[in-house]
Amino acid sequence: MNIKRNALLAIMGLVVTGAGAASASAAPLAHPARAEVNERLAHQDYRIDKARVEGRMTAAKAWRLHRADYRVHMREVRFARHHKGHISRFEKARLNHQENRISHRIG
């Protein structure tokens, strides 16, 4: 009885693992403009965290800047949703402008 149950659990595990791999490979590749925006957001998050650790920024200011970065990220996701995973040049420019404003606040 335990052997059948263990075999069934093993088969279910393989099926779930296979389904996860199939869905991961079916995911579309990121558009270069989106990748650029997201890399910049990641770098700004790093700069905020570094400034906070070094004591050049209060926790409240770091929280506000992270929240602003998150809003830019969500705007990028919203733009991409309307264009099947891509963002236009105008949208990229708008996101870059917003990132520039946040970058100047980081210092």
N, C-alpha and C. Protein backbone atom coordinates (compact mmCIF):
# COMPACT_ATOMS: atom_id res chain seq x y z
N MET A 1 0.82 -1.18 0.00
CA MET A 1 0.00 0.00 0.00
C MET A 1 0.87 1.26 0.00
N ASN A 2 1.90 1.30 0.86
CA ASN A 2 2.80 2.44 0.90
C ASN A 2 3.58 2.59 -0.39
N ILE A 3 3.90 1.46 -1.02
CA ILE A 3 4.66 1.51 -2.28
C ILE A 3 3.81 2.17 -3.36
N LYS A 4 2.53 1.80 -3.43
CA LYS A 4 1.64 2.41 -4.43
C LYS A 4 1.48 3.90 -4.17
N ARG A 5 1.33 4.26 -2.90
CA ARG A 5 1.17 5.68 -2.56
C ARG A 5 2.43 6.46 -2.90
N ASN A 6 3.60 5.89 -2.57
CA ASN A 6 4.85 6.58 -2.87
C ASN A 6 5.06 6.72 -4.38
N ALA A 7 4.69 5.68 -5.13
CA ALA A 7 4.81 5.75 -6.58
C ALA A 7 3.88 6.82 -7.15
N LEU A 8 2.67 6.86 -6.62
CA LEU A 8 1.70 7.87 -7.07
C LEU A 8 2.20 9.28 -6.76
N LEU A 9 2.76 9.48 -5.58
CA LEU A 9 3.30 10.80 -5.21
C LEU A 9 4.48 11.17 -6.10
N ALA A 10 5.32 10.20 -6.42
CA ALA A 10 6.47 10.47 -7.29
C ALA A 10 6.00 10.88 -8.69
N ILE A 11 5.00 10.17 -9.21
CA ILE A 11 4.47 10.49 -10.54
C ILE A 11 3.84 11.88 -10.53
N MET A 12 3.08 12.20 -9.48
CA MET A 12 2.47 13.52 -9.38
C MET A 12 3.53 14.61 -9.31
N GLY A 13 4.61 14.33 -8.59
CA GLY A 13 5.70 15.30 -8.50
C GLY A 13 6.33 15.56 -9.85
N LEU A 14 6.52 14.51 -10.64
CA LEU A 14 7.09 14.68 -11.98
C LEU A 14 6.15 15.45 -12.90
N VAL A 15 4.87 15.18 -12.78
CA VAL A 15 3.90 15.89 -13.61
C VAL A 15 3.90 17.38 -13.27
N VAL A 16 3.89 17.69 -11.98
CA VAL A 16 3.89 19.10 -11.56
C VAL A 16 5.17 19.78 -12.00
N THR A 17 6.31 19.10 -11.85
CA THR A 17 7.59 19.68 -12.26
C THR A 17 7.61 19.91 -13.77
N GLY A 18 7.11 18.96 -14.52
CA GLY A 18 7.05 19.11 -15.98
C GLY A 18 6.16 20.25 -16.40
N ALA A 19 5.03 20.41 -15.73
CA ALA A 19 4.12 21.50 -16.06
C ALA A 19 4.76 22.85 -15.75
N GLY A 20 5.51 22.92 -14.66
CA GLY A 20 6.18 24.17 -14.31
C GLY A 20 7.25 24.53 -15.33
N ALA A 21 8.00 23.53 -15.78
CA ALA A 21 9.03 23.78 -16.78
C ALA A 21 8.42 24.19 -18.11
N ALA A 22 7.30 23.58 -18.48
CA ALA A 22 6.66 23.92 -19.74
C ALA A 22 6.13 25.35 -19.70
N SER A 23 5.54 25.76 -18.58
CA SER A 23 5.01 27.12 -18.51
C SER A 23 6.14 28.14 -18.46
N ALA A 24 7.27 27.78 -17.86
CA ALA A 24 8.40 28.71 -17.81
C ALA A 24 8.99 28.90 -19.19
N SER A 25 9.05 27.84 -19.99
CA SER A 25 9.63 27.97 -21.32
C SER A 25 8.67 28.68 -22.27
N ALA A 26 7.38 28.67 -21.96
CA ALA A 26 6.40 29.32 -22.82
C ALA A 26 6.32 30.82 -22.57
N ALA A 27 6.93 31.29 -21.48
CA ALA A 27 6.89 32.71 -21.16
C ALA A 27 7.65 33.51 -22.22
N PRO A 28 7.10 34.62 -22.70
CA PRO A 28 7.78 35.41 -23.72
C PRO A 28 9.02 36.08 -23.14
N LEU A 29 10.00 36.27 -23.99
CA LEU A 29 11.21 36.96 -23.57
C LEU A 29 10.90 38.43 -23.36
N ALA A 30 11.62 39.04 -22.43
CA ALA A 30 11.39 40.45 -22.13
C ALA A 30 11.83 41.32 -23.31
N HIS A 31 11.07 42.33 -23.57
CA HIS A 31 11.40 43.29 -24.61
C HIS A 31 12.62 44.09 -24.15
N PRO A 32 13.56 44.43 -25.05
CA PRO A 32 14.77 45.14 -24.65
C PRO A 32 14.50 46.45 -23.91
N ALA A 33 13.49 47.19 -24.31
CA ALA A 33 13.17 48.45 -23.63
C ALA A 33 12.71 48.18 -22.20
N ARG A 34 11.90 47.12 -22.03
CA ARG A 34 11.45 46.76 -20.68
C ARG A 34 12.63 46.30 -19.84
N ALA A 35 13.53 45.53 -20.43
CA ALA A 35 14.70 45.05 -19.69
C ALA A 35 15.55 46.23 -19.22
N GLU A 36 15.71 47.22 -20.09
CA GLU A 36 16.51 48.40 -19.72
C GLU A 36 15.88 49.15 -18.55
N VAL A 37 14.57 49.34 -18.61
CA VAL A 37 13.86 50.05 -17.54
C VAL A 37 13.99 49.26 -16.23
N ASN A 38 13.78 47.95 -16.29
CA ASN A 38 13.84 47.13 -15.08
C ASN A 38 15.25 47.03 -14.50
N GLU A 39 16.28 47.01 -15.37
CA GLU A 39 17.65 47.02 -14.86
C GLU A 39 17.95 48.32 -14.14
N ARG A 40 17.46 49.40 -14.69
CA ARG A 40 17.69 50.69 -14.04
C ARG A 40 16.97 50.77 -12.69
N LEU A 41 15.75 50.24 -12.63
CA LEU A 41 15.03 50.22 -11.36
C LEU A 41 15.78 49.38 -10.32
N ALA A 42 16.32 48.25 -10.76
CA ALA A 42 17.08 47.39 -9.84
C ALA A 42 18.33 48.12 -9.33
N HIS A 43 19.00 48.85 -10.23
CA HIS A 43 20.19 49.59 -9.82
C HIS A 43 19.82 50.71 -8.83
N GLN A 44 18.70 51.37 -9.08
CA GLN A 44 18.28 52.42 -8.14
C GLN A 44 17.91 51.83 -6.79
N ASP A 45 17.29 50.66 -6.77
CA ASP A 45 17.00 50.00 -5.49
C ASP A 45 18.28 49.71 -4.74
N TYR A 46 19.31 49.25 -5.48
CA TYR A 46 20.61 48.99 -4.86
C TYR A 46 21.20 50.27 -4.28
N ARG A 47 21.12 51.37 -5.04
CA ARG A 47 21.66 52.64 -4.55
C ARG A 47 20.93 53.12 -3.30
N ILE A 48 19.62 52.94 -3.27
CA ILE A 48 18.84 53.33 -2.09
C ILE A 48 19.27 52.52 -0.88
N ASP A 49 19.37 51.20 -1.06
CA ASP A 49 19.78 50.33 0.04
C ASP A 49 21.19 50.66 0.53
N LYS A 50 22.09 50.94 -0.40
CA LYS A 50 23.47 51.28 -0.04
C LYS A 50 23.51 52.59 0.76
N ALA A 51 22.75 53.59 0.31
CA ALA A 51 22.73 54.86 1.03
C ALA A 51 22.14 54.68 2.42
N ARG A 52 21.15 53.82 2.53
CA ARG A 52 20.53 53.57 3.85
C ARG A 52 21.52 52.89 4.78
N VAL A 53 22.26 51.90 4.28
CA VAL A 53 23.24 51.18 5.10
C VAL A 53 24.37 52.11 5.53
N GLU A 54 24.79 52.99 4.64
CA GLU A 54 25.88 53.92 4.94
C GLU A 54 25.44 55.07 5.83
N GLY A 55 24.14 55.17 6.09
CA GLY A 55 23.64 56.21 6.98
C GLY A 55 23.42 57.55 6.31
N ARG A 56 23.47 57.60 4.99
CA ARG A 56 23.26 58.85 4.27
C ARG A 56 21.79 59.14 4.03
N MET A 57 20.91 58.21 4.46
CA MET A 57 19.49 58.36 4.19
C MET A 57 18.70 57.77 5.36
N THR A 58 17.61 58.42 5.71
CA THR A 58 16.77 57.89 6.79
C THR A 58 15.93 56.73 6.25
N ALA A 59 15.41 55.94 7.17
CA ALA A 59 14.57 54.81 6.78
C ALA A 59 13.30 55.30 6.08
N ALA A 60 12.75 56.41 6.54
CA ALA A 60 11.54 56.94 5.93
C ALA A 60 11.78 57.38 4.49
N LYS A 61 12.90 58.04 4.25
CA LYS A 61 13.21 58.48 2.89
C LYS A 61 13.46 57.27 1.99
N ALA A 62 14.16 56.27 2.50
CA ALA A 62 14.40 55.06 1.72
C ALA A 62 13.08 54.38 1.36
N TRP A 63 12.16 54.34 2.31
CA TRP A 63 10.85 53.73 2.06
C TRP A 63 10.10 54.50 0.97
N ARG A 64 10.14 55.84 1.04
CA ARG A 64 9.46 56.65 0.03
C ARG A 64 10.06 56.44 -1.36
N LEU A 65 11.39 56.34 -1.43
CA LEU A 65 12.04 56.13 -2.72
C LEU A 65 11.75 54.74 -3.28
N HIS A 66 11.75 53.73 -2.41
CA HIS A 66 11.39 52.38 -2.86
C HIS A 66 9.94 52.36 -3.37
N ARG A 67 9.07 53.06 -2.68
CA ARG A 67 7.67 53.13 -3.09
C ARG A 67 7.55 53.83 -4.45
N ALA A 68 8.33 54.88 -4.67
CA ALA A 68 8.32 55.57 -5.96
C ALA A 68 8.84 54.65 -7.07
N ASP A 69 9.89 53.89 -6.79
CA ASP A 69 10.41 52.92 -7.76
C ASP A 69 9.35 51.87 -8.08
N TYR A 70 8.63 51.43 -7.06
CA TYR A 70 7.59 50.43 -7.26
C TYR A 70 6.48 50.97 -8.16
N ARG A 71 6.13 52.24 -7.97
CA ARG A 71 5.09 52.84 -8.82
C ARG A 71 5.55 52.91 -10.28
N VAL A 72 6.83 53.23 -10.50
CA VAL A 72 7.35 53.25 -11.87
C VAL A 72 7.30 51.84 -12.46
N HIS A 73 7.67 50.85 -11.67
CA HIS A 73 7.63 49.47 -12.14
C HIS A 73 6.20 49.06 -12.52
N MET A 74 5.24 49.40 -11.68
CA MET A 74 3.86 49.03 -11.96
C MET A 74 3.34 49.76 -13.21
N ARG A 75 3.80 50.97 -13.43
CA ARG A 75 3.42 51.71 -14.63
C ARG A 75 4.01 51.01 -15.87
N GLU A 76 5.25 50.54 -15.75
CA GLU A 76 5.88 49.81 -16.85
C GLU A 76 5.11 48.53 -17.17
N VAL A 77 4.68 47.83 -16.15
CA VAL A 77 3.89 46.61 -16.34
C VAL A 77 2.56 46.94 -17.03
N ARG A 78 1.94 48.01 -16.60
CA ARG A 78 0.67 48.43 -17.19
C ARG A 78 0.85 48.81 -18.67
N PHE A 79 1.92 49.54 -18.98
CA PHE A 79 2.19 49.88 -20.37
C PHE A 79 2.38 48.62 -21.21
N ALA A 80 3.16 47.68 -20.70
CA ALA A 80 3.46 46.45 -21.44
C ALA A 80 2.21 45.60 -21.64
N ARG A 81 1.32 45.62 -20.69
CA ARG A 81 0.10 44.83 -20.80
C ARG A 81 -0.74 45.26 -22.00
N HIS A 82 -0.66 46.53 -22.36
CA HIS A 82 -1.45 47.05 -23.48
C HIS A 82 -0.82 46.76 -24.84
N HIS A 83 0.46 46.35 -24.86
CA HIS A 83 1.16 46.15 -26.13
C HIS A 83 1.79 44.77 -26.22
N LYS A 84 1.15 43.77 -25.62
CA LYS A 84 1.61 42.38 -25.70
C LYS A 84 3.07 42.22 -25.24
N GLY A 85 3.42 42.87 -24.15
CA GLY A 85 4.75 42.70 -23.57
C GLY A 85 5.79 43.71 -24.00
N HIS A 86 5.42 44.66 -24.83
CA HIS A 86 6.36 45.68 -25.29
C HIS A 86 5.95 47.04 -24.75
N ILE A 87 6.91 47.97 -24.75
CA ILE A 87 6.59 49.36 -24.43
C ILE A 87 7.07 50.22 -25.59
N SER A 88 6.35 51.30 -25.86
CA SER A 88 6.71 52.18 -26.97
C SER A 88 7.86 53.10 -26.57
N ARG A 89 8.41 53.78 -27.56
CA ARG A 89 9.49 54.74 -27.28
C ARG A 89 9.02 55.86 -26.38
N PHE A 90 7.79 56.33 -26.61
CA PHE A 90 7.23 57.39 -25.79
C PHE A 90 7.08 56.92 -24.33
N GLU A 91 6.59 55.70 -24.15
CA GLU A 91 6.41 55.16 -22.80
C GLU A 91 7.76 54.97 -22.11
N LYS A 92 8.76 54.49 -22.88
CA LYS A 92 10.10 54.32 -22.31
C LYS A 92 10.67 55.68 -21.88
N ALA A 93 10.48 56.69 -22.71
CA ALA A 93 10.96 58.03 -22.37
C ALA A 93 10.28 58.55 -21.11
N ARG A 94 8.99 58.31 -21.00
CA ARG A 94 8.24 58.75 -19.82
C ARG A 94 8.75 58.05 -18.56
N LEU A 95 8.98 56.73 -18.67
CA LEU A 95 9.50 55.99 -17.51
C LEU A 95 10.90 56.46 -17.15
N ASN A 96 11.75 56.72 -18.16
CA ASN A 96 13.10 57.22 -17.89
C ASN A 96 13.07 58.57 -17.20
N HIS A 97 12.15 59.42 -17.61
CA HIS A 97 12.02 60.73 -16.97
C HIS A 97 11.66 60.57 -15.49
N GLN A 98 10.73 59.66 -15.21
CA GLN A 98 10.35 59.42 -13.82
C GLN A 98 11.51 58.82 -13.02
N GLU A 99 12.27 57.93 -13.65
CA GLU A 99 13.43 57.35 -12.98
C GLU A 99 14.49 58.41 -12.72
N ASN A 100 14.66 59.36 -13.66
CA ASN A 100 15.62 60.44 -13.46
C ASN A 100 15.26 61.26 -12.22
N ARG A 101 13.98 61.56 -12.07
CA ARG A 101 13.54 62.35 -10.90
C ARG A 101 13.84 61.60 -9.61
N ILE A 102 13.60 60.30 -9.60
CA ILE A 102 13.88 59.50 -8.41
C ILE A 102 15.38 59.44 -8.16
N SER A 103 16.15 59.30 -9.24
CA SER A 103 17.61 59.21 -9.11
C SER A 103 18.19 60.48 -8.48
N HIS A 104 17.66 61.63 -8.85
CA HIS A 104 18.15 62.88 -8.26
C HIS A 104 17.81 62.96 -6.78
N ARG A 105 16.69 62.36 -6.38
CA ARG A 105 16.32 62.35 -4.96
C ARG A 105 17.20 61.41 -4.16
N ILE A 106 17.76 60.40 -4.81
CA ILE A 106 18.64 59.47 -4.09
C ILE A 106 19.93 60.19 -3.70
N GLY A 107 20.46 60.99 -4.60
CA GLY A 107 21.64 61.76 -4.28
C GLY A 107 22.92 61.17 -4.76
